[in-house]
Amino acid sequence: MKAVFMGLGYIGLPTAAVAASKGIDVIGVDINPDVVNTINSGKIHIVEPELDKVVKDVVEKGSLKAKLQPEEADAFLIVVPTPFRQNHRPDISYVESATRAVLPYLKENDLYIIESTSPVHTTEKMADLIWKERPELKGKIYIAYCPERVLPGNVIYELEHNDRVIGGINTESTEKATVFYQQFVKGKLHPTNSRTAEMCKLTENSSRDVQIAFANELSMIAEKANINVWELIELANKHPRVNILQPGCGVGGHCIAVDPWFIVSDYTEQAQIIKRARETNDYKSDWCANKVLEAAVEFEKKYDREPVIACMGLAFKPDIDDLRESPAKYITSRVVAESNAEVLVVEPNVHTHTTFALMDYKEAYTKADIVAWLVRHKPFLAIAKEENKIELDFCGVRK
């Protein structure tokens, strides 16, 4: 079987590489020539454990080739971003563009699958687009939706072992897509329809967002009450039916921070808790930024000089390089923009950044008067605490 993967980002590249490792002839398509060249040299452009080994192996074997344009194949997978606009309305223009790009190459009995997280009805909309542009293919190709559900930092394992939900626009499409995923997924494949599969993905991430919002709200209440939130949660979780998550400086990434808005935008009156949770998690980032700025003001009053502030971490979660929708990056930007202090920016998983001059984490901690722990990266846990530091721990580095 030959498959074209449209998009070679944080999900597209690992999925394409895993599929290629299981005997599928894979063409990976990306609009960025640097990404294409990097992959064709057997290297990767993102940080993900074990991915470099898999990519190197499948490229050397010739089972994965990266290109700038698609070509004829048996299966076409759309794995591109689905951001939201400033009004929180979902933007499926990337899905549509990728679909239009593969339109000339579709033929009878081909399989078209969307993996990109999408609003409900997106798969049916793309089917209508295909029928409009290629009416001779109506009823003669298979169209389905199968969202990824992997954890950055453990993507290779989870791509193979996690269960998948597969929803076709009809039973035949569901069955055809199921056969495709059986080639490289060891987890159970759950058949449904495309609308349910689309909503399932949004529901999973919205559920997580609500749970995190509870922890983040609790952390702000605990700070007001002068209670150690980490101890509080640990004790509360001793209850056999309580499982409170760990708070942070907000919620980031291209899933949990985005997907709930897809439900809210389409079902505004019904999605009350989902909307409130999203607002709480966004507010937590501002709350953290305000705490850092307040600490800087108090330091200046006490010592009659501007402090040196270290913002520790930019990624949206520990031990990855993904900065998409990162609350840590947002907080750092606010601290840089709204204070006169010297701000040291640290992200050990990123070598260079277009906006921030990055510094070694040990050097930054040593120089700083105020340390804002924004991401619980593993290297940070080994830093010995110095009593003369003002440390604002928003992610549990010092818990």
Foldseek 3Di string as FASTA:
>chain_A
DEEEEEDCPPQRVLLQLLLLVLPYQYEYADQDVVQQVQLLVQAHDWDAPPSSVSSNVSSVVNSYHYDHADAADQEYEYADAWFADPVLAIRCVSVLVSLVRCLVRDDFAHAYEYQYQDFFCPQVVSVVVSCVVPVVCVVGYWTKYKYDDDDGRCRNVCLAEPEIEIATCDPVNSVVVVVSSVSRHPYHYHYDHRRVRSVVQLVVLLVVLLLQLVQLVQVVVCVVVVHDSVVVQVVVPVPPPDDRDHYAQAAFDSGNLRSLSSVCVVPVVVCPSSVVSSVSRVVSLVVLLVVVVVVQVVVCVVPVDGWEEEQEAQPQAADTDHNGRRSSVVSLVCNVVPDPHHYAYAHPHDDDDPPDDHDDPLVSVVRGQEYEHHYQYPVLLPDDDDPNHHYHYRGPSPD
